[in-house]
Amino acid sequence: MPGTRRRPAIAPERDGGNGMAEAYCVKDKKKVEIKNPTQITMKNGKPATKGTCPECGGSVFRIGG
């Protein structure tokens, strides 16, 4: 339909403006700050952030910058 607006597929990151990325840790079952964040590009060309959970040392991943 012309004139209708669509929501973005991925909501913008709301980190409070402190610049620290957060991701969900599956092992701890909560959101944590990403330790050693690394910007990557997925196979489909979209940006993502990969890093480590500071509490359990497991891998965490966040799609979209």
N, C-alpha and C. Protein backbone atom coordinates (compact mmCIF):
# COMPACT_ATOMS: atom_id res chain seq x y z
N MET A 1 0.83 -1.17 0.00
CA MET A 1 0.00 0.00 0.00
C MET A 1 0.88 1.25 0.00
N PRO A 2 0.64 2.15 -0.89
CA PRO A 2 1.44 3.38 -0.90
C PRO A 2 1.10 4.27 0.29
N GLY A 3 2.14 4.87 0.83
CA GLY A 3 1.93 5.80 1.93
C GLY A 3 1.96 5.18 3.31
N THR A 4 2.03 3.85 3.40
CA THR A 4 2.09 3.22 4.71
C THR A 4 3.54 3.02 5.10
N ARG A 5 3.83 3.17 6.37
CA ARG A 5 5.20 3.01 6.86
C ARG A 5 5.34 1.66 7.54
N ARG A 6 6.48 1.04 7.33
CA ARG A 6 6.76 -0.25 7.95
C ARG A 6 7.78 -0.07 9.05
N ARG A 7 7.66 -0.88 10.06
CA ARG A 7 8.66 -0.86 11.13
C ARG A 7 9.93 -1.54 10.63
N PRO A 8 11.10 -1.11 11.14
CA PRO A 8 12.32 -1.81 10.75
C PRO A 8 12.31 -3.23 11.31
N ALA A 9 12.96 -4.13 10.61
CA ALA A 9 12.98 -5.54 11.02
C ALA A 9 13.73 -5.71 12.34
N ILE A 10 14.75 -4.89 12.56
CA ILE A 10 15.53 -4.96 13.80
C ILE A 10 15.42 -3.62 14.50
N ALA A 11 15.01 -3.65 15.75
CA ALA A 11 14.89 -2.41 16.51
C ALA A 11 16.27 -1.83 16.78
N PRO A 12 16.41 -0.51 16.80
CA PRO A 12 17.71 0.09 17.09
C PRO A 12 18.16 -0.25 18.50
N GLU A 13 19.45 -0.36 18.67
CA GLU A 13 20.00 -0.71 19.98
C GLU A 13 19.75 0.42 20.97
N ARG A 14 19.21 0.07 22.10
CA ARG A 14 18.93 1.06 23.15
C ARG A 14 19.85 0.76 24.33
N ASP A 15 21.05 1.31 24.28
CA ASP A 15 22.04 1.04 25.31
C ASP A 15 22.19 2.20 26.29
N GLY A 16 21.30 3.18 26.22
CA GLY A 16 21.38 4.30 27.13
C GLY A 16 22.44 5.32 26.74
N GLY A 17 23.04 5.16 25.60
CA GLY A 17 24.02 6.12 25.12
C GLY A 17 25.41 5.97 25.72
N ASN A 18 25.67 4.88 26.45
CA ASN A 18 26.99 4.72 27.06
C ASN A 18 27.99 4.02 26.14
N GLY A 19 27.55 3.58 24.97
CA GLY A 19 28.45 3.00 23.99
C GLY A 19 28.80 1.54 24.23
N MET A 20 28.37 0.96 25.32
CA MET A 20 28.67 -0.44 25.60
C MET A 20 27.56 -1.32 25.04
N ALA A 21 27.95 -2.31 24.25
CA ALA A 21 26.98 -3.20 23.63
C ALA A 21 26.55 -4.28 24.63
N GLU A 22 25.29 -4.66 24.54
CA GLU A 22 24.77 -5.72 25.40
C GLU A 22 24.27 -6.86 24.52
N ALA A 23 24.33 -8.06 25.06
CA ALA A 23 23.82 -9.24 24.37
C ALA A 23 23.22 -10.16 25.41
N TYR A 24 22.40 -11.11 24.97
CA TYR A 24 21.78 -12.07 25.88
C TYR A 24 22.67 -13.29 26.02
N CYS A 25 23.02 -13.63 27.25
CA CYS A 25 23.82 -14.83 27.51
C CYS A 25 22.87 -15.99 27.78
N VAL A 26 22.96 -17.03 26.98
CA VAL A 26 22.07 -18.18 27.10
C VAL A 26 22.37 -18.96 28.39
N LYS A 27 23.63 -19.06 28.76
CA LYS A 27 24.00 -19.80 29.96
C LYS A 27 23.52 -19.11 31.23
N ASP A 28 23.69 -17.76 31.30
CA ASP A 28 23.29 -17.00 32.49
C ASP A 28 21.82 -16.58 32.45
N LYS A 29 21.19 -16.70 31.27
CA LYS A 29 19.79 -16.33 31.07
C LYS A 29 19.50 -14.88 31.44
N LYS A 30 20.40 -13.97 31.00
CA LYS A 30 20.19 -12.54 31.22
C LYS A 30 21.05 -11.74 30.26
N LYS A 31 20.74 -10.43 30.15
CA LYS A 31 21.53 -9.54 29.31
C LYS A 31 22.81 -9.18 30.03
N VAL A 32 23.91 -9.17 29.30
CA VAL A 32 25.21 -8.81 29.86
C VAL A 32 25.93 -7.88 28.90
N GLU A 33 26.89 -7.11 29.43
CA GLU A 33 27.74 -6.29 28.56
C GLU A 33 28.70 -7.22 27.84
N ILE A 34 28.96 -6.92 26.58
CA ILE A 34 29.86 -7.77 25.80
C ILE A 34 31.30 -7.42 26.14
N LYS A 35 32.07 -8.43 26.55
CA LYS A 35 33.49 -8.26 26.84
C LYS A 35 34.25 -8.54 25.55
N ASN A 36 35.22 -7.71 25.22
CA ASN A 36 36.01 -7.83 23.98
C ASN A 36 35.11 -7.87 22.74
N PRO A 37 34.24 -6.85 22.55
CA PRO A 37 33.34 -6.88 21.39
C PRO A 37 34.10 -6.74 20.07
N THR A 38 33.68 -7.50 19.08
CA THR A 38 34.28 -7.47 17.76
C THR A 38 33.17 -7.30 16.74
N GLN A 39 33.29 -6.28 15.86
CA GLN A 39 32.32 -6.07 14.80
C GLN A 39 32.60 -7.07 13.69
N ILE A 40 31.58 -7.79 13.26
CA ILE A 40 31.72 -8.76 12.18
C ILE A 40 30.62 -8.52 11.15
N THR A 41 30.74 -9.14 10.00
CA THR A 41 29.70 -9.11 8.98
C THR A 41 29.27 -10.55 8.72
N MET A 42 27.96 -10.78 8.82
CA MET A 42 27.44 -12.12 8.60
C MET A 42 27.45 -12.46 7.10
N LYS A 43 27.18 -13.71 6.78
CA LYS A 43 27.18 -14.16 5.39
C LYS A 43 26.21 -13.37 4.52
N ASN A 44 25.10 -12.93 5.11
CA ASN A 44 24.11 -12.20 4.33
C ASN A 44 24.44 -10.70 4.22
N GLY A 45 25.58 -10.27 4.77
CA GLY A 45 26.03 -8.89 4.65
C GLY A 45 25.60 -7.97 5.78
N LYS A 46 24.83 -8.47 6.73
CA LYS A 46 24.37 -7.63 7.84
C LYS A 46 25.43 -7.59 8.93
N PRO A 47 25.52 -6.45 9.64
CA PRO A 47 26.51 -6.32 10.71
C PRO A 47 26.07 -7.06 11.98
N ALA A 48 27.04 -7.45 12.78
CA ALA A 48 26.77 -8.11 14.05
C ALA A 48 27.95 -7.86 14.99
N THR A 49 27.74 -8.12 16.27
CA THR A 49 28.78 -7.97 17.27
C THR A 49 28.96 -9.30 17.98
N LYS A 50 30.20 -9.73 18.11
CA LYS A 50 30.52 -11.01 18.73
C LYS A 50 31.49 -10.73 19.88
N GLY A 51 31.34 -11.45 20.98
CA GLY A 51 32.24 -11.25 22.11
C GLY A 51 32.10 -12.34 23.15
N THR A 52 32.48 -11.98 24.38
CA THR A 52 32.51 -12.93 25.48
C THR A 52 31.66 -12.41 26.63
N CYS A 53 30.99 -13.32 27.34
CA CYS A 53 30.24 -12.98 28.53
C CYS A 53 31.23 -12.75 29.67
N PRO A 54 31.13 -11.62 30.38
CA PRO A 54 32.08 -11.35 31.46
C PRO A 54 31.87 -12.24 32.70
N GLU A 55 30.71 -12.87 32.83
CA GLU A 55 30.41 -13.66 34.02
C GLU A 55 30.78 -15.13 33.86
N CYS A 56 30.40 -15.73 32.72
CA CYS A 56 30.65 -17.17 32.57
C CYS A 56 31.75 -17.48 31.55
N GLY A 57 32.14 -16.47 30.77
CA GLY A 57 33.19 -16.70 29.77
C GLY A 57 32.69 -17.32 28.48
N GLY A 58 31.38 -17.49 28.36
CA GLY A 58 30.80 -18.06 27.16
C GLY A 58 30.73 -17.05 26.03
N SER A 59 30.45 -17.52 24.84
CA SER A 59 30.36 -16.67 23.67
C SER A 59 28.97 -16.03 23.60
N VAL A 60 28.93 -14.72 23.30
CA VAL A 60 27.66 -14.02 23.11
C VAL A 60 27.69 -13.36 21.73
N PHE A 61 26.48 -13.13 21.17
CA PHE A 61 26.36 -12.66 19.80
C PHE A 61 25.17 -11.74 19.73
N ARG A 62 25.32 -10.61 19.05
CA ARG A 62 24.21 -9.69 18.86
C ARG A 62 24.15 -9.27 17.39
N ILE A 63 22.98 -9.43 16.79
CA ILE A 63 22.81 -9.05 15.40
C ILE A 63 22.54 -7.55 15.33
N GLY A 64 23.18 -6.89 14.38
CA GLY A 64 22.91 -5.47 14.15
C GLY A 64 23.83 -4.51 14.86
N GLY A 65 25.09 -4.59 14.64
CA GLY A 65 25.99 -3.56 15.17
C GLY A 65 26.25 -3.63 16.55
